[in-house]
mmCIF file of all heavy atoms, coordinates in Angstrom:
data_MODEL
# 
_entry.id   MODEL 
# 
loop_
_atom_site.group_PDB 
_atom_site.id 
_atom_site.type_symbol 
_atom_site.label_atom_id 
_atom_site.label_alt_id 
_atom_site.label_comp_id 
_atom_site.label_asym_id 
_atom_site.label_entity_id 
_atom_site.label_seq_id 
_atom_site.pdbx_PDB_ins_code 
_atom_site.Cartn_x 
_atom_site.Cartn_y 
_atom_site.Cartn_z 
_atom_site.occupancy 
_atom_site.B_iso_or_equiv 
_atom_site.pdbx_formal_charge 
_atom_site.auth_seq_id 
_atom_site.auth_comp_id 
_atom_site.auth_asym_id 
_atom_site.auth_atom_id 
_atom_site.pdbx_PDB_model_num 
ATOM 1   N N   . ALA A 1 1  ? 1.233   4.030  10.003  1.00 0.00 ? 1  ALA A N   1 
ATOM 2   C CA  . ALA A 1 1  ? -0.040  4.738  10.211  1.00 0.00 ? 1  ALA A CA  1 
ATOM 3   C C   . ALA A 1 1  ? -1.218  3.911  9.791   1.00 0.00 ? 1  ALA A C   1 
ATOM 4   O O   . ALA A 1 1  ? -2.274  3.939  10.390  1.00 0.00 ? 1  ALA A O   1 
ATOM 5   C CB  . ALA A 1 1  ? -0.016  6.078  9.501   1.00 0.00 ? 1  ALA A CB  1 
ATOM 6   N N   . LYS A 1 2  ? -1.047  3.156  8.697   1.00 0.00 ? 2  LYS A N   1 
ATOM 7   C CA  . LYS A 1 2  ? -2.149  2.344  8.116   1.00 0.00 ? 2  LYS A CA  1 
ATOM 8   C C   . LYS A 1 2  ? -1.587  1.026  7.605   1.00 0.00 ? 2  LYS A C   1 
ATOM 9   O O   . LYS A 1 2  ? -0.398  0.903  7.363   1.00 0.00 ? 2  LYS A O   1 
ATOM 10  C CB  . LYS A 1 2  ? -2.822  3.109  6.989   1.00 0.00 ? 2  LYS A CB  1 
ATOM 11  C CG  . LYS A 1 2  ? -3.449  4.415  7.350   1.00 0.00 ? 2  LYS A CG  1 
ATOM 12  C CD  . LYS A 1 2  ? -4.090  5.039  6.092   1.00 0.00 ? 2  LYS A CD  1 
ATOM 13  C CE  . LYS A 1 2  ? -4.715  6.378  6.406   1.00 0.00 ? 2  LYS A CE  1 
ATOM 14  N NZ  . LYS A 1 2  ? -5.290  7.065  5.256   1.00 0.00 ? 2  LYS A NZ  1 
ATOM 15  N N   . PRO A 1 3  ? -2.475  -0.001 7.375   1.00 0.00 ? 3  PRO A N   1 
ATOM 16  C CA  . PRO A 1 3  ? -2.026  -1.201 6.790   1.00 0.00 ? 3  PRO A CA  1 
ATOM 17  C C   . PRO A 1 3  ? -1.439  -0.924 5.398   1.00 0.00 ? 3  PRO A C   1 
ATOM 18  O O   . PRO A 1 3  ? -1.887  -0.033 4.670   1.00 0.00 ? 3  PRO A O   1 
ATOM 19  C CB  . PRO A 1 3  ? -3.283  -2.043 6.696   1.00 0.00 ? 3  PRO A CB  1 
ATOM 20  C CG  . PRO A 1 3  ? -4.198  -1.511 7.725   1.00 0.00 ? 3  PRO A CG  1 
ATOM 21  C CD  . PRO A 1 3  ? -3.899  -0.042 7.777   1.00 0.00 ? 3  PRO A CD  1 
ATOM 22  N N   . TYR A 1 4  ? -0.375  -1.643 5.070   1.00 0.00 ? 4  TYR A N   1 
ATOM 23  C CA  . TYR A 1 4  ? 0.332   -1.372 3.814   1.00 0.00 ? 4  TYR A CA  1 
ATOM 24  C C   . TYR A 1 4  ? -0.480  -1.812 2.614   1.00 0.00 ? 4  TYR A C   1 
ATOM 25  O O   . TYR A 1 4  ? -0.393  -1.246 1.554   1.00 0.00 ? 4  TYR A O   1 
ATOM 26  C CB  . TYR A 1 4  ? 1.661   -2.166 3.853   1.00 0.00 ? 4  TYR A CB  1 
ATOM 27  C CG  . TYR A 1 4  ? 2.423   -2.246 2.554   1.00 0.00 ? 4  TYR A CG  1 
ATOM 28  C CD1 . TYR A 1 4  ? 2.613   -1.087 1.769   1.00 0.00 ? 4  TYR A CD1 1 
ATOM 29  C CD2 . TYR A 1 4  ? 2.894   -3.459 2.099   1.00 0.00 ? 4  TYR A CD2 1 
ATOM 30  C CE1 . TYR A 1 4  ? 3.305   -1.187 0.605   1.00 0.00 ? 4  TYR A CE1 1 
ATOM 31  C CE2 . TYR A 1 4  ? 3.606   -3.505 0.901   1.00 0.00 ? 4  TYR A CE2 1 
ATOM 32  C CZ  . TYR A 1 4  ? 3.805   -2.359 0.145   1.00 0.00 ? 4  TYR A CZ  1 
ATOM 33  O OH  . TYR A 1 4  ? 4.502   -2.463 -0.992  1.00 0.00 ? 4  TYR A OH  1 
ATOM 34  N N   . PHE A 1 5  ? -1.277  -2.872 2.738   1.00 0.00 ? 5  PHE A N   1 
ATOM 35  C CA  . PHE A 1 5  ? -1.910  -3.391 1.555   1.00 0.00 ? 5  PHE A CA  1 
ATOM 36  C C   . PHE A 1 5  ? -3.431  -3.542 1.683   1.00 0.00 ? 5  PHE A C   1 
ATOM 37  O O   . PHE A 1 5  ? -3.924  -3.588 2.795   1.00 0.00 ? 5  PHE A O   1 
ATOM 38  C CB  . PHE A 1 5  ? -1.332  -4.799 1.172   1.00 0.00 ? 5  PHE A CB  1 
ATOM 39  C CG  . PHE A 1 5  ? -1.452  -5.819 2.275   1.00 0.00 ? 5  PHE A CG  1 
ATOM 40  C CD1 . PHE A 1 5  ? -2.478  -6.684 2.243   1.00 0.00 ? 5  PHE A CD1 1 
ATOM 41  C CD2 . PHE A 1 5  ? -0.543  -5.914 3.265   1.00 0.00 ? 5  PHE A CD2 1 
ATOM 42  C CE1 . PHE A 1 5  ? -2.646  -7.660 3.212   1.00 0.00 ? 5  PHE A CE1 1 
ATOM 43  C CE2 . PHE A 1 5  ? -0.613  -6.879 4.253   1.00 0.00 ? 5  PHE A CE2 1 
ATOM 44  C CZ  . PHE A 1 5  ? -1.712  -7.735 4.225   1.00 0.00 ? 5  PHE A CZ  1 
ATOM 45  N N   . THR A 1 6  ? -4.102  -3.566 0.554   1.00 0.00 ? 6  THR A N   1 
ATOM 46  C CA  . THR A 1 6  ? -5.520  -3.719 0.586   1.00 0.00 ? 6  THR A CA  1 
ATOM 47  C C   . THR A 1 6  ? -5.894  -4.416 -0.709  1.00 0.00 ? 6  THR A C   1 
ATOM 48  O O   . THR A 1 6  ? -5.083  -4.634 -1.625  1.00 0.00 ? 6  THR A O   1 
ATOM 49  C CB  . THR A 1 6  ? -6.245  -2.316 0.580   1.00 0.00 ? 6  THR A CB  1 
ATOM 50  O OG1 . THR A 1 6  ? -7.649  -2.502 0.725   1.00 0.00 ? 6  THR A OG1 1 
ATOM 51  C CG2 . THR A 1 6  ? -5.964  -1.532 -0.641  1.00 0.00 ? 6  THR A CG2 1 
ATOM 52  N N   . SER A 1 7  ? -7.124  -4.857 -0.767  1.00 0.00 ? 7  SER A N   1 
ATOM 53  C CA  . SER A 1 7  ? -7.570  -5.536 -1.994  1.00 0.00 ? 7  SER A CA  1 
ATOM 54  C C   . SER A 1 7  ? -8.706  -4.797 -2.605  1.00 0.00 ? 7  SER A C   1 
ATOM 55  O O   . SER A 1 7  ? -9.653  -4.375 -1.912  1.00 0.00 ? 7  SER A O   1 
ATOM 56  C CB  . SER A 1 7  ? -7.954  -6.972 -1.771  1.00 0.00 ? 7  SER A CB  1 
ATOM 57  O OG  . SER A 1 7  ? -8.996  -7.024 -0.737  1.00 0.00 ? 7  SER A OG  1 
ATOM 58  N N   . GLY A 1 8  ? -8.654  -4.508 -3.876  1.00 0.00 ? 8  GLY A N   1 
ATOM 59  C CA  . GLY A 1 8  ? -9.716  -3.839 -4.582  1.00 0.00 ? 8  GLY A CA  1 
ATOM 60  C C   . GLY A 1 8  ? -10.853 -4.810 -4.944  1.00 0.00 ? 8  GLY A C   1 
ATOM 61  O O   . GLY A 1 8  ? -10.887 -5.912 -4.474  1.00 0.00 ? 8  GLY A O   1 
ATOM 62  N N   . GLN A 1 9  ? -11.828 -4.272 -5.705  1.00 0.00 ? 9  GLN A N   1 
ATOM 63  C CA  . GLN A 1 9  ? -12.967 -5.126 -6.044  1.00 0.00 ? 9  GLN A CA  1 
ATOM 64  C C   . GLN A 1 9  ? -12.553 -6.369 -6.804  1.00 0.00 ? 9  GLN A C   1 
ATOM 65  O O   . GLN A 1 9  ? -13.210 -7.389 -6.734  1.00 0.00 ? 9  GLN A O   1 
ATOM 66  C CB  . GLN A 1 9  ? -13.909 -4.268 -6.848  1.00 0.00 ? 9  GLN A CB  1 
ATOM 67  C CG  . GLN A 1 9  ? -14.589 -3.172 -6.080  1.00 0.00 ? 9  GLN A CG  1 
ATOM 68  C CD  . GLN A 1 9  ? -15.585 -2.414 -6.876  1.00 0.00 ? 9  GLN A CD  1 
ATOM 69  O OE1 . GLN A 1 9  ? -15.612 -2.519 -8.128  1.00 0.00 ? 9  GLN A OE1 1 
ATOM 70  N NE2 . GLN A 1 9  ? -16.427 -1.653 -6.278  1.00 0.00 ? 9  GLN A NE2 1 
ATOM 71  N N   . SER A 1 10 ? -11.459 -6.301 -7.494  1.00 0.00 ? 10 SER A N   1 
ATOM 72  C CA  . SER A 1 10 ? -11.008 -7.469 -8.308  1.00 0.00 ? 10 SER A CA  1 
ATOM 73  C C   . SER A 1 10 ? -10.282 -8.394 -7.396  1.00 0.00 ? 10 SER A C   1 
ATOM 74  O O   . SER A 1 10 ? -9.922  -9.527 -7.841  1.00 0.00 ? 10 SER A O   1 
ATOM 75  C CB  . SER A 1 10 ? -10.048 -6.975 -9.404  1.00 0.00 ? 10 SER A CB  1 
ATOM 76  O OG  . SER A 1 10 ? -8.874  -6.451 -8.828  1.00 0.00 ? 10 SER A OG  1 
ATOM 77  N N   . GLY A 1 11 ? -9.996  -8.064 -6.126  1.00 0.00 ? 11 GLY A N   1 
ATOM 78  C CA  . GLY A 1 11 ? -9.258  -8.977 -5.270  1.00 0.00 ? 11 GLY A CA  1 
ATOM 79  C C   . GLY A 1 11 ? -7.712  -8.864 -5.440  1.00 0.00 ? 11 GLY A C   1 
ATOM 80  O O   . GLY A 1 11 ? -6.961  -9.510 -4.740  1.00 0.00 ? 11 GLY A O   1 
ATOM 81  N N   . GLN A 1 12 ? -7.286  -7.888 -6.306  1.00 0.00 ? 12 GLN A N   1 
ATOM 82  C CA  . GLN A 1 12 ? -5.844  -7.797 -6.548  1.00 0.00 ? 12 GLN A CA  1 
ATOM 83  C C   . GLN A 1 12 ? -5.289  -6.862 -5.442  1.00 0.00 ? 12 GLN A C   1 
ATOM 84  O O   . GLN A 1 12 ? -5.813  -5.829 -5.115  1.00 0.00 ? 12 GLN A O   1 
ATOM 85  C CB  . GLN A 1 12 ? -5.638  -7.103 -7.924  1.00 0.00 ? 12 GLN A CB  1 
ATOM 86  C CG  . GLN A 1 12 ? -4.202  -6.931 -8.206  1.00 0.00 ? 12 GLN A CG  1 
ATOM 87  C CD  . GLN A 1 12 ? -3.837  -7.567 -9.570  1.00 0.00 ? 12 GLN A CD  1 
ATOM 88  O OE1 . GLN A 1 12 ? -4.723  -7.831 -10.348 1.00 0.00 ? 12 GLN A OE1 1 
ATOM 89  N NE2 . GLN A 1 12 ? -2.628  -7.685 -9.861  1.00 0.00 ? 12 GLN A NE2 1 
ATOM 90  N N   . LEU A 1 13 ? -4.124  -7.250 -4.935  1.00 0.00 ? 13 LEU A N   1 
ATOM 91  C CA  . LEU A 1 13 ? -3.457  -6.478 -3.903  1.00 0.00 ? 13 LEU A CA  1 
ATOM 92  C C   . LEU A 1 13 ? -2.768  -5.263 -4.481  1.00 0.00 ? 13 LEU A C   1 
ATOM 93  O O   . LEU A 1 13 ? -2.232  -5.363 -5.579  1.00 0.00 ? 13 LEU A O   1 
ATOM 94  C CB  . LEU A 1 13 ? -2.427  -7.346 -3.180  1.00 0.00 ? 13 LEU A CB  1 
ATOM 95  C CG  . LEU A 1 13 ? -3.007  -8.465 -2.287  1.00 0.00 ? 13 LEU A CG  1 
ATOM 96  C CD1 . LEU A 1 13 ? -1.932  -9.294 -1.823  1.00 0.00 ? 13 LEU A CD1 1 
ATOM 97  C CD2 . LEU A 1 13 ? -3.755  -7.820 -1.127  1.00 0.00 ? 13 LEU A CD2 1 
ATOM 98  N N   . LYS A 1 14 ? -2.767  -4.170 -3.807  1.00 0.00 ? 14 LYS A N   1 
ATOM 99  C CA  . LYS A 1 14 ? -2.132  -2.958 -4.276  1.00 0.00 ? 14 LYS A CA  1 
ATOM 100 C C   . LYS A 1 14 ? -1.609  -2.165 -3.092  1.00 0.00 ? 14 LYS A C   1 
ATOM 101 O O   . LYS A 1 14 ? -2.153  -2.273 -2.005  1.00 0.00 ? 14 LYS A O   1 
ATOM 102 C CB  . LYS A 1 14 ? -3.094  -2.120 -5.100  1.00 0.00 ? 14 LYS A CB  1 
ATOM 103 C CG  . LYS A 1 14 ? -4.386  -1.687 -4.299  1.00 0.00 ? 14 LYS A CG  1 
ATOM 104 C CD  . LYS A 1 14 ? -5.349  -0.955 -5.222  1.00 0.00 ? 14 LYS A CD  1 
ATOM 105 C CE  . LYS A 1 14 ? -6.561  -0.605 -4.408  1.00 0.00 ? 14 LYS A CE  1 
ATOM 106 N NZ  . LYS A 1 14 ? -7.584  0.089  -5.225  1.00 0.00 ? 14 LYS A NZ  1 
ATOM 107 N N   . PRO A 1 15 ? -0.499  -1.434 -3.220  1.00 0.00 ? 15 PRO A N   1 
ATOM 108 C CA  . PRO A 1 15 ? 0.050   -0.608 -2.175  1.00 0.00 ? 15 PRO A CA  1 
ATOM 109 C C   . PRO A 1 15 ? -0.931  0.467  -1.871  1.00 0.00 ? 15 PRO A C   1 
ATOM 110 O O   . PRO A 1 15 ? -1.699  0.960  -2.767  1.00 0.00 ? 15 PRO A O   1 
ATOM 111 C CB  . PRO A 1 15 ? 1.349   -0.046 -2.738  1.00 0.00 ? 15 PRO A CB  1 
ATOM 112 C CG  . PRO A 1 15 ? 1.689   -0.918 -3.891  1.00 0.00 ? 15 PRO A CG  1 
ATOM 113 C CD  . PRO A 1 15 ? 0.341   -1.394 -4.433  1.00 0.00 ? 15 PRO A CD  1 
ATOM 114 N N   . MET A 1 16 ? -0.984  0.921  -0.609  1.00 0.00 ? 16 MET A N   1 
ATOM 115 C CA  . MET A 1 16 ? -1.807  2.034  -0.198  1.00 0.00 ? 16 MET A CA  1 
ATOM 116 C C   . MET A 1 16 ? -0.948  3.291  -0.185  1.00 0.00 ? 16 MET A C   1 
ATOM 117 O O   . MET A 1 16 ? 0.276   3.295  0.094   1.00 0.00 ? 16 MET A O   1 
ATOM 118 C CB  . MET A 1 16 ? -2.399  1.812  1.184   1.00 0.00 ? 16 MET A CB  1 
ATOM 119 C CG  . MET A 1 16 ? -3.366  0.621  1.240   1.00 0.00 ? 16 MET A CG  1 
ATOM 120 S SD  . MET A 1 16 ? -4.083  0.463  2.810   1.00 0.00 ? 16 MET A SD  1 
ATOM 121 C CE  . MET A 1 16 ? -5.092  1.886  2.951   1.00 0.00 ? 16 MET A CE  1 
ATOM 122 N N   . SER A 1 17 ? -1.554  4.401  -0.408  1.00 0.00 ? 17 SER A N   1 
ATOM 123 C CA  . SER A 1 17 ? -0.882  5.694  -0.301  1.00 0.00 ? 17 SER A CA  1 
ATOM 124 C C   . SER A 1 17 ? -1.032  6.187  1.100   1.00 0.00 ? 17 SER A C   1 
ATOM 125 O O   . SER A 1 17 ? -2.146  6.437  1.564   1.00 0.00 ? 17 SER A O   1 
ATOM 126 C CB  . SER A 1 17 ? -1.548  6.729  -1.267  1.00 0.00 ? 17 SER A CB  1 
ATOM 127 O OG  . SER A 1 17 ? -0.904  8.008  -1.131  1.00 0.00 ? 17 SER A OG  1 
ATOM 128 N N   . LEU A 1 18 ? 0.104   6.311  1.771   1.00 0.00 ? 18 LEU A N   1 
ATOM 129 C CA  . LEU A 1 18 ? 0.077   6.648  3.212   1.00 0.00 ? 18 LEU A CA  1 
ATOM 130 C C   . LEU A 1 18 ? 0.498   8.068  3.359   1.00 0.00 ? 18 LEU A C   1 
ATOM 131 O O   . LEU A 1 18 ? 1.673   8.468  3.209   1.00 0.00 ? 18 LEU A O   1 
ATOM 132 C CB  . LEU A 1 18 ? 1.019   5.740  3.995   1.00 0.00 ? 18 LEU A CB  1 
ATOM 133 C CG  . LEU A 1 18 ? 0.767   4.224  3.836   1.00 0.00 ? 18 LEU A CG  1 
ATOM 134 C CD1 . LEU A 1 18 ? 1.711   3.437  4.731   1.00 0.00 ? 18 LEU A CD1 1 
ATOM 135 C CD2 . LEU A 1 18 ? -0.649  3.875  4.117   1.00 0.00 ? 18 LEU A CD2 1 
ATOM 136 N N   . GLY A 1 19 ? -0.475  8.933  3.613   1.00 0.00 ? 19 GLY A N   1 
ATOM 137 C CA  . GLY A 1 19 ? -0.170  10.385 3.801   1.00 0.00 ? 19 GLY A CA  1 
ATOM 138 C C   . GLY A 1 19 ? 0.473   10.947 2.610   1.00 0.00 ? 19 GLY A C   1 
ATOM 139 O O   . GLY A 1 19 ? 1.332   11.868 2.691   1.00 0.00 ? 19 GLY A O   1 
ATOM 140 N N   . GLY A 1 20 ? 0.006   10.509 1.393   1.00 0.00 ? 20 GLY A N   1 
ATOM 141 C CA  . GLY A 1 20 ? 0.557   11.098 0.168   1.00 0.00 ? 20 GLY A CA  1 
ATOM 142 C C   . GLY A 1 20 ? 1.825   10.413 -0.292  1.00 0.00 ? 20 GLY A C   1 
ATOM 143 O O   . GLY A 1 20 ? 2.386   10.740 -1.312  1.00 0.00 ? 20 GLY A O   1 
ATOM 144 N N   . VAL A 1 21 ? 2.323   9.406  0.498   1.00 0.00 ? 21 VAL A N   1 
ATOM 145 C CA  . VAL A 1 21 ? 3.550   8.720  0.098   1.00 0.00 ? 21 VAL A CA  1 
ATOM 146 C C   . VAL A 1 21 ? 3.187   7.353  -0.410  1.00 0.00 ? 21 VAL A C   1 
ATOM 147 O O   . VAL A 1 21 ? 2.553   6.573  0.258   1.00 0.00 ? 21 VAL A O   1 
ATOM 148 C CB  . VAL A 1 21 ? 4.515   8.544  1.374   1.00 0.00 ? 21 VAL A CB  1 
ATOM 149 C CG1 . VAL A 1 21 ? 5.730   7.763  0.947   1.00 0.00 ? 21 VAL A CG1 1 
ATOM 150 C CG2 . VAL A 1 21 ? 4.836   9.936  1.911   1.00 0.00 ? 21 VAL A CG2 1 
ATOM 151 N N   . GLN A 1 22 ? 3.509   7.066  -1.679  1.00 0.00 ? 22 GLN A N   1 
ATOM 152 C CA  . GLN A 1 22 ? 3.272   5.776  -2.241  1.00 0.00 ? 22 GLN A CA  1 
ATOM 153 C C   . GLN A 1 22 ? 4.343   4.791  -1.743  1.00 0.00 ? 22 GLN A C   1 
ATOM 154 O O   . GLN A 1 22 ? 5.556   5.020  -1.815  1.00 0.00 ? 22 GLN A O   1 
ATOM 155 C CB  . GLN A 1 22 ? 3.354   5.796  -3.780  1.00 0.00 ? 22 GLN A CB  1 
ATOM 156 C CG  . GLN A 1 22 ? 2.946   4.497  -4.411  1.00 0.00 ? 22 GLN A CG  1 
ATOM 157 C CD  . GLN A 1 22 ? 1.462   4.215  -4.314  1.00 0.00 ? 22 GLN A CD  1 
ATOM 158 O OE1 . GLN A 1 22 ? 0.708   5.099  -4.037  1.00 0.00 ? 22 GLN A OE1 1 
ATOM 159 N NE2 . GLN A 1 22 ? 1.047   2.981  -4.472  1.00 0.00 ? 22 GLN A NE2 1 
ATOM 160 N N   . VAL A 1 23 ? 3.916   3.702  -1.113  1.00 0.00 ? 23 VAL A N   1 
ATOM 161 C CA  . VAL A 1 23 ? 4.799   2.798  -0.479  1.00 0.00 ? 23 VAL A CA  1 
ATOM 162 C C   . VAL A 1 23 ? 5.510   1.874  -1.499  1.00 0.00 ? 23 VAL A C   1 
ATOM 163 O O   . VAL A 1 23 ? 4.878   1.248  -2.288  1.00 0.00 ? 23 VAL A O   1 
ATOM 164 C CB  . VAL A 1 23 ? 4.102   1.890  0.579   1.00 0.00 ? 23 VAL A CB  1 
ATOM 165 C CG1 . VAL A 1 23 ? 5.026   0.919  1.237   1.00 0.00 ? 23 VAL A CG1 1 
ATOM 166 C CG2 . VAL A 1 23 ? 3.453   2.785  1.665   1.00 0.00 ? 23 VAL A CG2 1 
ATOM 167 N N   . ASP A 1 24 ? 6.776   1.858  -1.398  1.00 0.00 ? 24 ASP A N   1 
ATOM 168 C CA  . ASP A 1 24 ? 7.645   0.882  -2.151  1.00 0.00 ? 24 ASP A CA  1 
ATOM 169 C C   . ASP A 1 24 ? 8.223   -0.101 -1.116  1.00 0.00 ? 24 ASP A C   1 
ATOM 170 O O   . ASP A 1 24 ? 8.920   0.382  -0.204  1.00 0.00 ? 24 ASP A O   1 
ATOM 171 C CB  . ASP A 1 24 ? 8.686   1.638  -2.888  1.00 0.00 ? 24 ASP A CB  1 
ATOM 172 C CG  . ASP A 1 24 ? 9.668   0.726  -3.612  1.00 0.00 ? 24 ASP A CG  1 
ATOM 173 O OD1 . ASP A 1 24 ? 9.580   -0.544 -3.477  1.00 0.00 ? 24 ASP A OD1 1 
ATOM 174 O OD2 . ASP A 1 24 ? 10.531  1.219  -4.340  1.00 0.00 ? 24 ASP A OD2 1 
ATOM 175 N N   . ARG A 1 25 ? 8.005   -1.373 -1.242  1.00 0.00 ? 25 ARG A N   1 
ATOM 176 C CA  . ARG A 1 25 ? 8.459   -2.358 -0.252  1.00 0.00 ? 25 ARG A CA  1 
ATOM 177 C C   . ARG A 1 25 ? 9.958   -2.250 -0.004  1.00 0.00 ? 25 ARG A C   1 
ATOM 178 O O   . ARG A 1 25 ? 10.449  -2.442 1.060   1.00 0.00 ? 25 ARG A O   1 
ATOM 179 C CB  . ARG A 1 25 ? 8.080   -3.753 -0.679  1.00 0.00 ? 25 ARG A CB  1 
ATOM 180 C CG  . ARG A 1 25 ? 8.472   -4.811 0.351   1.00 0.00 ? 25 ARG A CG  1 
ATOM 181 C CD  . ARG A 1 25 ? 7.884   -6.157 -0.015  1.00 0.00 ? 25 ARG A CD  1 
ATOM 182 N NE  . ARG A 1 25 ? 8.367   -6.636 -1.280  1.00 0.00 ? 25 ARG A NE  1 
ATOM 183 C CZ  . ARG A 1 25 ? 9.515   -7.289 -1.429  1.00 0.00 ? 25 ARG A CZ  1 
ATOM 184 N NH1 . ARG A 1 25 ? 10.280  -7.526 -0.345  1.00 0.00 ? 25 ARG A NH1 1 
ATOM 185 N NH2 . ARG A 1 25 ? 9.866   -7.752 -2.578  1.00 0.00 ? 25 ARG A NH2 1 
ATOM 186 N N   . LYS A 1 26 ? 10.663  -1.905 -1.079  1.00 0.00 ? 26 LYS A N   1 
ATOM 187 C CA  . LYS A 1 26 ? 12.131  -1.832 -0.936  1.00 0.00 ? 26 LYS A CA  1 
ATOM 188 C C   . LYS A 1 26 ? 12.621  -0.706 -0.026  1.00 0.00 ? 26 LYS A C   1 
ATOM 189 O O   . LYS A 1 26 ? 13.687  -0.628 0.452   1.00 0.00 ? 26 LYS A O   1 
ATOM 190 C CB  . LYS A 1 26 ? 12.789  -1.699 -2.280  1.00 0.00 ? 26 LYS A CB  1 
ATOM 191 C CG  . LYS A 1 26 ? 12.569  -2.954 -3.194  1.00 0.00 ? 26 LYS A CG  1 
ATOM 192 C CD  . LYS A 1 26 ? 13.276  -2.729 -4.529  1.00 0.00 ? 26 LYS A CD  1 
ATOM 193 C CE  . LYS A 1 26 ? 13.042  -3.951 -5.417  1.00 0.00 ? 26 LYS A CE  1 
ATOM 194 N NZ  . LYS A 1 26 ? 13.641  -3.748 -6.772  1.00 0.00 ? 26 LYS A NZ  1 
ATOM 195 N N   . SER A 1 27 ? 11.698  0.310  0.188   1.00 0.00 ? 27 SER A N   1 
ATOM 196 C CA  . SER A 1 27 ? 12.108  1.453  0.989   1.00 0.00 ? 27 SER A CA  1 
ATOM 197 C C   . SER A 1 27 ? 11.454  1.435  2.377   1.00 0.00 ? 27 SER A C   1 
ATOM 198 O O   . SER A 1 27 ? 11.504  2.401  3.098   1.00 0.00 ? 27 SER A O   1 
ATOM 199 C CB  . SER A 1 27 ? 11.634  2.730  0.244   1.00 0.00 ? 27 SER A CB  1 
ATOM 200 O OG  . SER A 1 27 ? 10.267  2.871  0.231   1.00 0.00 ? 27 SER A OG  1 
ATOM 201 N N   . VAL A 1 28 ? 10.884  0.241  2.782   1.00 0.00 ? 28 VAL A N   1 
ATOM 202 C CA  . VAL A 1 28 ? 10.217  0.217  4.040   1.00 0.00 ? 28 VAL A CA  1 
ATOM 203 C C   . VAL A 1 28 ? 11.113  0.388  5.247   1.00 0.00 ? 28 VAL A C   1 
ATOM 204 O O   . VAL A 1 28 ? 10.826  1.060  6.176   1.00 0.00 ? 28 VAL A O   1 
ATOM 205 C CB  . VAL A 1 28 ? 9.455   -1.141 4.181   1.00 0.00 ? 28 VAL A CB  1 
ATOM 206 C CG1 . VAL A 1 28 ? 9.005   -1.363 5.616   1.00 0.00 ? 28 VAL A CG1 1 
ATOM 207 C CG2 . VAL A 1 28 ? 8.288   -1.194 3.250   1.00 0.00 ? 28 VAL A CG2 1 
ATOM 208 N N   . TYR A 1 29 ? 12.365  -0.127 5.146   1.00 0.00 ? 29 TYR A N   1 
ATOM 209 C CA  . TYR A 1 29 ? 13.258  -0.126 6.280   1.00 0.00 ? 29 TYR A CA  1 
ATOM 210 C C   . TYR A 1 29 ? 14.347  0.921  6.142   1.00 0.00 ? 29 TYR A C   1 
ATOM 211 O O   . TYR A 1 29 ? 14.835  1.212  5.081   1.00 0.00 ? 29 TYR A O   1 
ATOM 212 C CB  . TYR A 1 29 ? 13.903  -1.525 6.421   1.00 0.00 ? 29 TYR A CB  1 
ATOM 213 C CG  . TYR A 1 29 ? 12.849  -2.517 6.749   1.00 0.00 ? 29 TYR A CG  1 
ATOM 214 C CD1 . TYR A 1 29 ? 12.283  -3.253 5.716   1.00 0.00 ? 29 TYR A CD1 1 
ATOM 215 C CD2 . TYR A 1 29 ? 12.337  -2.645 8.066   1.00 0.00 ? 29 TYR A CD2 1 
ATOM 216 C CE1 . TYR A 1 29 ? 11.259  -4.149 6.005   1.00 0.00 ? 29 TYR A CE1 1 
ATOM 217 C CE2 . TYR A 1 29 ? 11.307  -3.512 8.300   1.00 0.00 ? 29 TYR A CE2 1 
ATOM 218 C CZ  . TYR A 1 29 ? 10.762  -4.301 7.294   1.00 0.00 ? 29 TYR A CZ  1 
ATOM 219 O OH  . TYR A 1 29 ? 9.758   -5.124 7.561   1.00 0.00 ? 29 TYR A OH  1 
# 
């Protein structure tokens, strides 16, 4: 539905919450 990652003001990457689901890379597939 949306890109998995974004960068905050600090430039640090963080997972996005997709429809209330916090994405864990290990559960992507």
